[in-house]
N, C-alpha and C. Protein backbone atom coordinates (compact mmCIF):
# COMPACT_ATOMS: atom_id res chain seq x y z
N UNK A 1 -52.85 -9.86 -92.08
CA UNK A 1 -51.62 -9.03 -92.05
C UNK A 1 -51.91 -7.50 -91.84
N UNK A 2 -50.51 -6.85 -91.01
CA UNK A 2 -50.96 -5.37 -91.27
C UNK A 2 -49.95 -4.81 -91.87
N UNK A 3 -50.45 -3.70 -92.63
CA UNK A 3 -49.25 -2.91 -93.45
C UNK A 3 -49.31 -1.44 -92.95
N UNK A 4 -47.74 -1.54 -92.49
CA UNK A 4 -47.71 0.13 -92.29
C UNK A 4 -47.10 0.90 -93.20
N UNK A 5 -47.98 2.07 -93.33
CA UNK A 5 -47.24 2.92 -94.29
C UNK A 5 -46.45 4.17 -93.53
N UNK A 6 -46.97 4.68 -92.48
CA UNK A 6 -46.25 5.98 -91.74
C UNK A 6 -46.30 5.88 -90.45
N UNK A 7 -45.23 6.35 -89.78
CA UNK A 7 -45.05 6.85 -88.59
C UNK A 7 -45.07 8.19 -88.12
N UNK A 8 -46.04 8.70 -87.64
CA UNK A 8 -45.53 10.13 -87.13
C UNK A 8 -45.43 10.20 -85.27
N UNK A 9 -44.30 11.10 -85.29
CA UNK A 9 -43.86 11.06 -83.84
C UNK A 9 -43.84 12.54 -83.37
N UNK A 10 -44.42 13.03 -82.19
CA UNK A 10 -44.13 14.04 -81.72
C UNK A 10 -43.41 14.60 -80.82
N UNK A 11 -42.50 15.86 -80.51
CA UNK A 11 -41.34 16.05 -79.86
C UNK A 11 -42.18 17.25 -79.16
N UNK A 12 -41.55 17.58 -77.91
CA UNK A 12 -41.79 18.75 -77.34
C UNK A 12 -40.62 19.53 -77.76
N UNK A 13 -39.61 19.57 -77.82
CA UNK A 13 -38.40 20.30 -78.22
C UNK A 13 -37.47 19.82 -79.44
N UNK A 14 -36.99 20.65 -79.79
CA UNK A 14 -36.29 20.83 -81.06
C UNK A 14 -34.80 19.49 -80.90
N UNK A 15 -34.24 19.56 -79.94
CA UNK A 15 -33.37 18.83 -79.21
C UNK A 15 -33.86 17.26 -79.03
N UNK A 16 -34.77 17.13 -78.92
CA UNK A 16 -35.89 15.90 -78.77
C UNK A 16 -35.86 15.24 -80.49
N UNK A 17 -36.54 16.04 -80.93
CA UNK A 17 -36.35 15.92 -82.41
C UNK A 17 -34.87 15.68 -83.14
N UNK A 18 -34.15 16.66 -82.89
CA UNK A 18 -32.98 16.10 -83.47
C UNK A 18 -31.93 15.00 -83.22
N UNK A 19 -32.42 14.43 -81.98
CA UNK A 19 -31.87 13.05 -81.54
C UNK A 19 -32.29 12.17 -82.23
N UNK A 20 -33.89 12.35 -82.68
CA UNK A 20 -34.45 10.99 -83.22
C UNK A 20 -33.96 10.73 -84.66
N UNK A 21 -33.72 12.29 -85.07
CA UNK A 21 -33.18 11.97 -86.41
C UNK A 21 -32.33 11.30 -86.73
N UNK A 22 -31.47 12.16 -85.80
CA UNK A 22 -29.84 11.62 -85.69
C UNK A 22 -29.73 9.46 -85.57
N UNK A 23 -30.75 9.54 -84.44
CA UNK A 23 -31.03 8.17 -84.42
C UNK A 23 -31.36 7.19 -85.35
N UNK A 24 -32.09 7.86 -86.19
CA UNK A 24 -32.70 7.30 -87.35
C UNK A 24 -31.69 7.05 -88.67
N UNK A 25 -31.00 8.32 -88.75
CA UNK A 25 -30.17 8.17 -89.39
C UNK A 25 -29.00 6.67 -89.26
N UNK A 26 -28.43 6.99 -88.02
CA UNK A 26 -27.14 6.07 -87.66
C UNK A 26 -27.66 4.66 -87.76
N UNK A 27 -28.96 4.39 -87.87
CA UNK A 27 -29.30 3.26 -87.86
C UNK A 27 -29.84 2.60 -89.06
N UNK A 28 -29.29 3.61 -90.09
CA UNK A 28 -29.41 3.24 -91.65
C UNK A 28 -31.05 3.41 -92.30
N UNK A 29 -31.82 4.16 -91.32
CA UNK A 29 -32.94 4.62 -92.32
C UNK A 29 -32.73 5.62 -93.42
N UNK A 30 -33.91 5.25 -94.84
CA UNK A 30 -33.38 6.18 -95.80
C UNK A 30 -34.13 7.99 -95.30
N UNK A 31 -33.22 8.98 -95.22
CA UNK A 31 -33.43 9.96 -94.82
C UNK A 31 -34.41 10.79 -95.88
N UNK A 32 -34.69 10.26 -97.27
CA UNK A 32 -35.63 10.84 -98.31
C UNK A 32 -36.73 10.23 -97.81
N UNK A 33 -37.06 9.38 -97.04
CA UNK A 33 -38.62 8.76 -96.17
C UNK A 33 -38.92 9.37 -95.13
N UNK A 34 -37.76 10.49 -94.64
CA UNK A 34 -38.02 11.34 -93.51
C UNK A 34 -38.66 12.89 -93.63
N UNK A 35 -39.70 13.18 -92.95
CA UNK A 35 -39.95 14.75 -92.97
C UNK A 35 -40.08 15.14 -91.35
N UNK A 36 -40.04 16.43 -91.39
CA UNK A 36 -40.30 17.17 -89.97
C UNK A 36 -40.90 18.45 -90.35
N UNK A 37 -41.38 19.38 -89.33
CA UNK A 37 -42.83 20.08 -89.57
C UNK A 37 -42.57 20.60 -88.06
N UNK A 38 -42.64 22.15 -87.94
CA UNK A 38 -42.73 22.91 -86.77
C UNK A 38 -43.15 24.05 -87.27
N UNK A 39 -43.79 24.70 -86.00
CA UNK A 39 -44.00 26.43 -85.83
C UNK A 39 -42.62 27.02 -86.01
N UNK A 40 -42.53 28.06 -86.84
CA UNK A 40 -41.94 29.26 -86.20
C UNK A 40 -41.71 30.32 -85.64
N UNK A 41 -42.01 30.02 -84.50
CA UNK A 41 -42.31 31.22 -83.73
C UNK A 41 -41.44 31.88 -82.77
N UNK A 42 -40.17 31.52 -82.91
CA UNK A 42 -38.98 31.84 -81.64
C UNK A 42 -38.25 32.90 -82.99
N UNK A 43 -39.16 34.03 -82.56
CA UNK A 43 -38.50 35.00 -83.28
C UNK A 43 -37.93 36.22 -82.21
N UNK A 44 -38.16 36.13 -80.72
CA UNK A 44 -37.53 37.06 -80.34
C UNK A 44 -36.16 37.47 -79.90
N UNK A 45 -35.94 38.87 -80.38
CA UNK A 45 -34.54 39.20 -80.27
C UNK A 45 -33.80 38.48 -81.47
N UNK A 46 -33.98 38.06 -82.17
CA UNK A 46 -33.37 37.04 -83.53
C UNK A 46 -34.20 37.62 -84.77
N UNK A 47 -33.05 37.82 -85.86
CA UNK A 47 -33.62 38.06 -87.03
C UNK A 47 -34.16 36.76 -87.45
N UNK A 48 -35.04 36.62 -88.56
CA UNK A 48 -35.87 35.73 -88.74
C UNK A 48 -35.76 35.80 -90.22
N UNK A 49 -35.00 35.00 -91.26
CA UNK A 49 -35.12 34.92 -92.83
C UNK A 49 -35.21 33.55 -93.38
N UNK A 50 -35.57 33.84 -94.61
CA UNK A 50 -35.60 32.32 -95.67
C UNK A 50 -34.96 33.18 -96.96
N UNK A 51 -33.88 32.18 -97.32
CA UNK A 51 -33.40 32.53 -98.86
C UNK A 51 -33.23 31.23 -99.96
N UNK A 52 -33.33 31.11 -100.97
CA UNK A 52 -32.81 30.19 -101.45
C UNK A 52 -30.88 30.56 -102.04
N UNK A 53 -30.67 29.09 -101.68
CA UNK A 53 -29.34 29.08 -102.18
C UNK A 53 -28.58 28.27 -102.86
N UNK A 54 -28.89 28.22 -103.89
CA UNK A 54 -28.55 26.78 -105.02
C UNK A 54 -30.08 26.04 -105.38
N UNK A 55 -29.89 24.61 -104.77
CA UNK A 55 -30.89 23.74 -104.46
C UNK A 55 -31.57 23.52 -103.14
N UNK A 56 -31.32 24.66 -101.96
CA UNK A 56 -31.44 24.45 -101.11
C UNK A 56 -32.31 25.84 -100.05
N UNK A 57 -32.83 25.48 -99.18
CA UNK A 57 -33.09 27.14 -98.49
C UNK A 57 -32.27 27.25 -97.40
N UNK A 58 -32.09 28.35 -97.36
CA UNK A 58 -31.17 28.84 -95.94
C UNK A 58 -32.35 29.43 -94.99
N UNK A 59 -32.02 29.28 -93.48
CA UNK A 59 -32.83 30.02 -92.53
C UNK A 59 -32.00 30.77 -91.34
N UNK A 60 -32.61 31.56 -91.19
CA UNK A 60 -31.74 32.67 -90.05
C UNK A 60 -32.63 32.73 -88.90
N UNK A 61 -32.57 32.53 -87.91
CA UNK A 61 -32.98 32.53 -86.51
C UNK A 61 -32.82 31.83 -85.93
N UNK A 62 -33.09 32.00 -84.21
CA UNK A 62 -32.98 31.08 -83.22
C UNK A 62 -32.62 29.34 -83.53
N UNK A 63 -33.23 29.08 -84.29
CA UNK A 63 -32.98 27.47 -84.50
C UNK A 63 -32.46 27.38 -85.99
N UNK A 64 -31.61 28.35 -86.65
CA UNK A 64 -31.07 28.33 -87.51
C UNK A 64 -30.17 26.99 -87.80
N UNK A 65 -29.47 26.51 -86.67
CA UNK A 65 -28.17 25.57 -86.89
C UNK A 65 -29.20 24.41 -87.02
N UNK A 66 -30.22 23.69 -86.60
CA UNK A 66 -31.31 22.63 -86.38
C UNK A 66 -31.87 22.86 -87.84
N UNK A 67 -32.64 24.09 -88.07
CA UNK A 67 -33.36 23.84 -89.72
C UNK A 67 -32.29 23.54 -90.54
N UNK A 68 -30.55 24.70 -90.44
CA UNK A 68 -30.00 24.23 -91.74
C UNK A 68 -29.41 22.84 -91.91
N UNK A 69 -29.25 22.13 -90.56
CA UNK A 69 -28.62 20.69 -90.92
C UNK A 69 -30.12 19.82 -91.53
N UNK A 70 -31.10 20.13 -91.21
CA UNK A 70 -32.04 19.18 -91.71
C UNK A 70 -32.45 19.45 -93.36
N UNK A 71 -32.26 20.71 -93.79
CA UNK A 71 -32.62 20.90 -94.94
C UNK A 71 -31.09 20.72 -95.63
N UNK A 72 -29.92 20.52 -95.63
CA UNK A 72 -29.36 19.47 -96.19
C UNK A 72 -29.34 18.36 -96.19
N UNK A 73 -30.31 17.95 -95.47
CA UNK A 73 -30.37 16.33 -95.32
C UNK A 73 -31.46 15.96 -95.60
N UNK A 74 -32.45 16.52 -95.43
CA UNK A 74 -33.92 15.65 -96.27
C UNK A 74 -34.03 16.48 -97.37
N UNK A 75 -34.60 15.52 -97.84
CA UNK A 75 -35.08 15.87 -99.16
C UNK A 75 -36.70 17.12 -99.60
N UNK A 76 -35.82 17.95 -99.74
CA UNK A 76 -37.12 19.30 -99.86
C UNK A 76 -37.28 20.09 -98.71
N UNK A 77 -37.64 21.53 -98.85
CA UNK A 77 -37.94 21.92 -97.74
C UNK A 77 -38.67 23.14 -97.90
N UNK A 78 -39.16 23.77 -97.37
CA UNK A 78 -40.53 25.13 -97.27
C UNK A 78 -40.76 25.52 -96.33
N UNK A 79 -41.62 27.06 -96.47
CA UNK A 79 -41.95 27.77 -95.02
C UNK A 79 -43.52 27.67 -95.85
N UNK A 80 -44.44 27.69 -94.97
CA UNK A 80 -46.14 27.73 -95.61
C UNK A 80 -46.31 28.66 -94.46
N UNK A 81 -47.24 29.57 -94.34
CA UNK A 81 -48.21 30.56 -93.52
C UNK A 81 -49.63 29.70 -93.42
N UNK A 82 -49.69 29.44 -92.20
CA UNK A 82 -50.92 28.24 -92.29
C UNK A 82 -52.22 29.27 -91.28
N UNK A 83 -53.42 29.67 -91.78
CA UNK A 83 -54.17 30.67 -91.15
C UNK A 83 -54.24 29.29 -89.62
N UNK A 84 -54.20 30.40 -88.65
CA UNK A 84 -54.63 29.53 -87.52
C UNK A 84 -53.40 29.13 -86.88
N UNK A 85 -52.43 28.65 -87.49
CA UNK A 85 -51.47 28.16 -86.92
C UNK A 85 -50.02 28.94 -86.71
N UNK A 86 -50.25 29.79 -87.90
CA UNK A 86 -48.74 30.57 -88.30
C UNK A 86 -47.62 30.14 -89.06
N UNK A 87 -46.73 30.42 -89.01
CA UNK A 87 -45.92 30.32 -90.18
C UNK A 87 -44.90 28.75 -89.60
N UNK A 88 -45.19 27.71 -90.34
CA UNK A 88 -44.81 26.42 -90.29
C UNK A 88 -43.28 25.96 -91.25
N UNK A 89 -42.41 25.30 -90.75
CA UNK A 89 -40.90 25.08 -91.55
C UNK A 89 -41.33 23.60 -91.69
N UNK A 90 -40.75 23.18 -92.82
CA UNK A 90 -41.04 21.59 -92.89
C UNK A 90 -40.09 21.33 -94.30
N UNK A 91 -39.44 20.10 -93.42
CA UNK A 91 -38.41 19.77 -94.87
C UNK A 91 -38.61 17.92 -94.95
N UNK A 92 -38.12 17.62 -96.27
CA UNK A 92 -38.67 16.25 -96.40
C UNK A 92 -39.92 15.96 -97.30
N UNK A 93 -40.52 14.91 -97.93
CA UNK A 93 -41.53 14.69 -98.61
C UNK A 93 -42.48 15.32 -98.62
N UNK A 94 -42.97 15.61 -97.33
CA UNK A 94 -44.00 16.35 -96.85
C UNK A 94 -44.23 17.48 -97.71
N UNK A 95 -43.37 18.04 -97.96
CA UNK A 95 -43.13 19.34 -98.61
C UNK A 95 -44.11 19.33 -99.82
N UNK A 96 -43.44 18.00 -100.66
CA UNK A 96 -44.36 17.61 -102.08
C UNK A 96 -45.67 17.53 -101.88
N UNK A 97 -46.18 16.38 -100.73
CA UNK A 97 -47.23 16.41 -100.21
C UNK A 97 -48.43 17.24 -99.96
N UNK A 98 -48.06 17.94 -99.39
CA UNK A 98 -48.59 19.42 -99.16
C UNK A 98 -48.72 20.31 -100.57
N UNK A 99 -48.21 20.27 -101.10
CA UNK A 99 -47.88 21.08 -102.45
C UNK A 99 -49.23 20.61 -103.27
N UNK A 100 -49.26 18.82 -103.53
CA UNK A 100 -49.65 17.87 -104.17
C UNK A 100 -51.32 18.28 -103.45
N UNK A 101 -51.26 18.16 -102.00
CA UNK A 101 -53.02 18.01 -101.63
C UNK A 101 -53.38 19.33 -102.03
N UNK A 102 -52.83 20.42 -101.92
CA UNK A 102 -53.47 21.59 -102.15
C UNK A 102 -53.96 22.45 -103.47
N UNK A 103 -52.45 21.61 -104.44
CA UNK A 103 -53.06 21.81 -105.74
C UNK A 103 -54.32 20.48 -106.15
N UNK A 104 -54.50 19.43 -105.78
CA UNK A 104 -55.50 18.24 -106.26
C UNK A 104 -56.81 19.05 -105.65
N UNK A 105 -56.89 19.90 -104.73
CA UNK A 105 -58.20 20.18 -103.80
C UNK A 105 -58.47 19.13 -102.99
N UNK A 106 -57.49 18.20 -102.20
CA UNK A 106 -57.66 17.47 -101.45
C UNK A 106 -58.49 18.12 -100.04
N UNK A 107 -57.95 19.26 -99.84
CA UNK A 107 -58.14 20.03 -98.47
C UNK A 107 -59.63 19.44 -98.21
N UNK A 108 -59.52 18.97 -96.98
CA UNK A 108 -60.83 18.31 -96.29
C UNK A 108 -61.41 19.81 -95.04
N UNK A 109 -62.55 19.91 -95.22
CA UNK A 109 -62.99 20.99 -94.53
C UNK A 109 -62.42 20.68 -92.84
N UNK A 110 -61.65 22.27 -92.28
CA UNK A 110 -60.82 21.89 -91.11
C UNK A 110 -59.45 21.53 -91.04
N UNK A 111 -59.27 21.21 -92.09
CA UNK A 111 -57.82 20.50 -92.12
C UNK A 111 -56.96 21.42 -92.64
N UNK A 112 -55.47 21.94 -92.06
CA UNK A 112 -54.78 23.03 -92.75
C UNK A 112 -53.90 22.48 -93.91
N UNK A 113 -53.01 23.14 -94.40
CA UNK A 113 -52.51 22.93 -95.37
C UNK A 113 -51.10 21.46 -95.16
N UNK A 114 -50.76 21.32 -93.91
CA UNK A 114 -50.03 20.67 -93.32
C UNK A 114 -50.93 19.35 -93.33
N UNK A 115 -52.20 19.52 -93.28
CA UNK A 115 -53.35 17.96 -92.93
C UNK A 115 -53.55 17.77 -94.51
N UNK A 116 -53.70 18.59 -95.41
CA UNK A 116 -53.95 18.25 -97.05
C UNK A 116 -52.96 17.56 -97.30
N UNK A 117 -51.71 17.47 -96.91
CA UNK A 117 -50.11 16.33 -97.60
C UNK A 117 -50.17 15.27 -96.61
N UNK A 118 -50.91 15.35 -95.31
CA UNK A 118 -51.07 14.17 -94.42
C UNK A 118 -52.06 13.26 -95.06
N UNK A 119 -53.30 13.92 -95.34
CA UNK A 119 -54.67 13.40 -96.34
C UNK A 119 -53.90 12.81 -97.50
N UNK A 120 -53.24 13.52 -97.50
CA UNK A 120 -53.19 13.05 -99.47
C UNK A 120 -51.91 11.60 -99.68
N UNK A 121 -51.34 11.04 -98.09
CA UNK A 121 -50.81 10.04 -98.01
C UNK A 121 -51.52 9.01 -97.45
N UNK A 122 -53.06 8.99 -96.98
CA UNK A 122 -53.44 8.22 -96.25
C UNK A 122 -53.96 8.37 -94.71
N UNK A 123 -53.48 9.39 -94.13
CA UNK A 123 -53.63 9.79 -92.27
C UNK A 123 -55.04 10.25 -92.76
N UNK A 124 -55.67 9.69 -91.65
CA UNK A 124 -56.83 9.71 -90.93
C UNK A 124 -57.31 11.52 -90.86
N UNK A 125 -58.37 12.05 -91.01
CA UNK A 125 -58.60 13.36 -90.74
C UNK A 125 -58.63 13.67 -89.00
N UNK A 126 -58.94 12.62 -88.73
CA UNK A 126 -58.81 12.67 -86.80
C UNK A 126 -57.65 12.83 -86.50
N UNK A 127 -56.80 12.24 -87.14
CA UNK A 127 -55.18 12.21 -86.46
C UNK A 127 -54.36 13.37 -87.29
N UNK A 128 -54.96 13.78 -88.28
CA UNK A 128 -54.57 15.08 -88.58
C UNK A 128 -54.62 16.52 -87.57
N UNK A 129 -55.80 16.16 -87.54
CA UNK A 129 -56.31 17.58 -86.58
C UNK A 129 -55.29 17.37 -84.82
N UNK A 130 -55.16 16.11 -84.50
CA UNK A 130 -54.25 16.11 -83.76
C UNK A 130 -52.87 16.49 -83.96
N UNK A 131 -52.42 16.43 -85.15
CA UNK A 131 -50.99 16.79 -85.37
C UNK A 131 -51.27 18.24 -85.74
N UNK A 132 -52.29 18.72 -86.33
CA UNK A 132 -52.42 20.64 -86.39
C UNK A 132 -52.14 21.26 -84.93
N UNK A 133 -52.85 20.40 -83.70
CA UNK A 133 -53.09 21.07 -82.36
C UNK A 133 -51.56 21.16 -81.78
N UNK A 134 -50.77 19.78 -82.24
CA UNK A 134 -49.08 19.77 -81.72
C UNK A 134 -48.43 20.68 -82.75
N UNK A 135 -49.00 21.28 -83.52
CA UNK A 135 -47.99 22.58 -84.18
C UNK A 135 -48.84 23.70 -83.84
N UNK A 136 -49.99 23.65 -83.36
CA UNK A 136 -49.85 25.14 -82.68
C UNK A 136 -49.35 25.29 -81.35
N UNK A 137 -48.91 24.19 -80.60
CA UNK A 137 -48.41 24.36 -79.15
C UNK A 137 -47.00 24.24 -79.58
N UNK A 138 -46.50 24.46 -80.70
CA UNK A 138 -44.92 24.39 -80.55
C UNK A 138 -43.95 23.01 -80.57
N UNK A 139 -44.90 22.23 -80.92
CA UNK A 139 -44.31 21.12 -80.54
C UNK A 139 -43.81 20.62 -82.31
N UNK A 140 -42.81 19.55 -82.23
CA UNK A 140 -42.37 19.13 -83.56
C UNK A 140 -43.19 17.88 -84.05
N UNK A 141 -43.28 17.27 -85.60
CA UNK A 141 -44.10 16.41 -86.07
C UNK A 141 -42.27 15.71 -86.83
N UNK A 142 -42.46 14.85 -86.56
CA UNK A 142 -41.24 14.13 -87.43
C UNK A 142 -42.16 12.63 -88.10
N UNK A 143 -41.81 12.57 -89.19
CA UNK A 143 -42.71 11.63 -89.88
C UNK A 143 -41.80 10.74 -90.91
N UNK A 144 -42.14 9.03 -90.95
CA UNK A 144 -41.54 8.33 -91.56
C UNK A 144 -42.56 7.79 -92.67
N UNK A 145 -42.43 7.85 -93.83
CA UNK A 145 -43.30 7.19 -94.77
C UNK A 145 -42.61 6.41 -95.59
N UNK A 146 -42.90 5.04 -95.61
CA UNK A 146 -42.60 4.23 -96.62
C UNK A 146 -42.87 2.73 -96.56
N UNK A 147 -42.13 1.54 -97.08
CA UNK A 147 -42.58 0.30 -97.11
C UNK A 147 -43.21 -0.07 -95.70
N UNK A 148 -43.73 -1.26 -95.39
CA UNK A 148 -43.85 -1.76 -93.88
C UNK A 148 -42.71 -1.91 -93.21
N UNK A 149 -41.63 -2.73 -94.09
CA UNK A 149 -40.17 -2.78 -93.47
C UNK A 149 -39.97 -1.61 -93.14
N UNK A 150 -39.63 -0.45 -93.72
CA UNK A 150 -39.05 1.08 -93.25
C UNK A 150 -39.74 1.37 -91.86
N UNK A 151 -41.30 1.49 -92.22
CA UNK A 151 -41.63 2.12 -91.04
C UNK A 151 -41.46 1.23 -89.82
N UNK A 152 -41.48 0.07 -90.12
CA UNK A 152 -41.58 -1.20 -88.77
C UNK A 152 -40.12 -0.87 -87.90
N UNK A 153 -39.18 -0.63 -88.86
CA UNK A 153 -37.79 -0.53 -88.52
C UNK A 153 -37.75 1.08 -88.09
N UNK A 154 -38.05 2.06 -88.38
CA UNK A 154 -38.32 3.56 -87.74
C UNK A 154 -39.11 3.24 -86.68
N UNK A 155 -39.77 2.92 -86.33
CA UNK A 155 -40.92 2.65 -85.34
C UNK A 155 -39.74 1.97 -84.12
N UNK A 156 -39.35 0.96 -84.36
CA UNK A 156 -38.46 0.16 -83.09
C UNK A 156 -37.50 1.41 -82.68
N UNK A 157 -36.54 2.21 -83.36
CA UNK A 157 -36.07 3.63 -83.24
C UNK A 157 -36.93 4.42 -82.31
N UNK A 158 -37.68 4.79 -82.83
CA UNK A 158 -38.21 5.96 -82.01
C UNK A 158 -38.92 5.68 -80.93
N UNK A 159 -39.27 4.22 -80.87
CA UNK A 159 -39.81 3.82 -79.30
C UNK A 159 -39.00 3.99 -78.25
N UNK A 160 -37.62 4.20 -78.76
CA UNK A 160 -36.39 4.57 -77.91
C UNK A 160 -36.13 5.87 -77.63
N UNK A 161 -36.92 6.77 -78.53
CA UNK A 161 -36.64 8.51 -78.16
C UNK A 161 -37.83 9.03 -77.16
N UNK A 162 -37.18 10.32 -77.08
CA UNK A 162 -37.94 10.75 -76.21
C UNK A 162 -39.02 11.58 -76.72
N UNK A 163 -40.26 11.12 -77.41
CA UNK A 163 -41.24 11.42 -77.81
C UNK A 163 -42.17 11.72 -76.82
N UNK A 164 -43.31 12.43 -77.33
CA UNK A 164 -44.76 12.91 -76.43
C UNK A 164 -45.64 11.71 -76.69
N UNK A 165 -45.51 11.29 -78.13
CA UNK A 165 -46.26 10.11 -78.44
C UNK A 165 -45.87 9.72 -79.94
N UNK A 166 -46.52 8.82 -80.67
CA UNK A 166 -46.39 8.16 -81.91
C UNK A 166 -47.46 7.44 -81.91
N UNK A 167 -47.80 7.47 -83.45
CA UNK A 167 -48.75 6.77 -83.57
C UNK A 167 -48.28 6.18 -85.52
N UNK A 168 -48.50 4.94 -85.89
CA UNK A 168 -48.29 4.04 -86.65
C UNK A 168 -49.56 4.23 -87.42
N UNK A 169 -49.84 5.02 -89.19
CA UNK A 169 -50.76 4.72 -89.74
C UNK A 169 -50.68 3.64 -90.93
N UNK A 170 -51.86 3.42 -91.16
CA UNK A 170 -51.76 2.03 -92.63
C UNK A 170 -52.68 1.49 -92.66
N UNK A 171 -53.01 0.64 -93.70
CA UNK A 171 -54.05 -0.25 -93.84
C UNK A 171 -54.26 -1.53 -93.26
N UNK A 172 -55.27 -2.14 -92.53
CA UNK A 172 -55.45 -3.53 -92.17
C UNK A 172 -55.33 -4.25 -93.26
N UNK A 173 -54.85 -5.43 -93.87
CA UNK A 173 -55.22 -6.08 -94.80
C UNK A 173 -55.14 -7.69 -94.47
N UNK A 174 -56.65 -8.33 -94.81
CA UNK A 174 -56.60 -9.67 -94.66
C UNK A 174 -56.32 -10.60 -95.64
N UNK A 175 -55.39 -11.44 -95.04
CA UNK A 175 -54.97 -12.45 -96.64
C UNK A 175 -55.68 -13.70 -96.79
């Protein structure tokens, strides 16, 4: 029997990632199990800024509507300055996993802050390095982490989206 814990999909554009999130939401996937991360490099001729307003973060910039919508929809938001990658925007439970991974000294050589968060939930280091490369090249990571049923349901939806790639992560258990 195979236990699925996470699925991570990579999208080339914010429009593709946004469409996938809408598909997941419309299918009833629990939005608290979903995270998104992307590099914040789109600053040409646009003011970029972050501030807290009540219980959530606000963003000014070229992709302001994109991020603003998710920060209201997903659980948690943050901006991390990661050496070698640059500023990364994150929304969803991945924020807490990154903080826990950094505080718990889970960081493994060659793994970024995003990688620390992913390693802390069982994503293999070689996959984490691929996700860091995707972020460096301005792609969007979409993560669903949950029960095997939740991840299997999300996988069926993600397969029908315009992703560059996706990988299901979990443990194989023999009964």
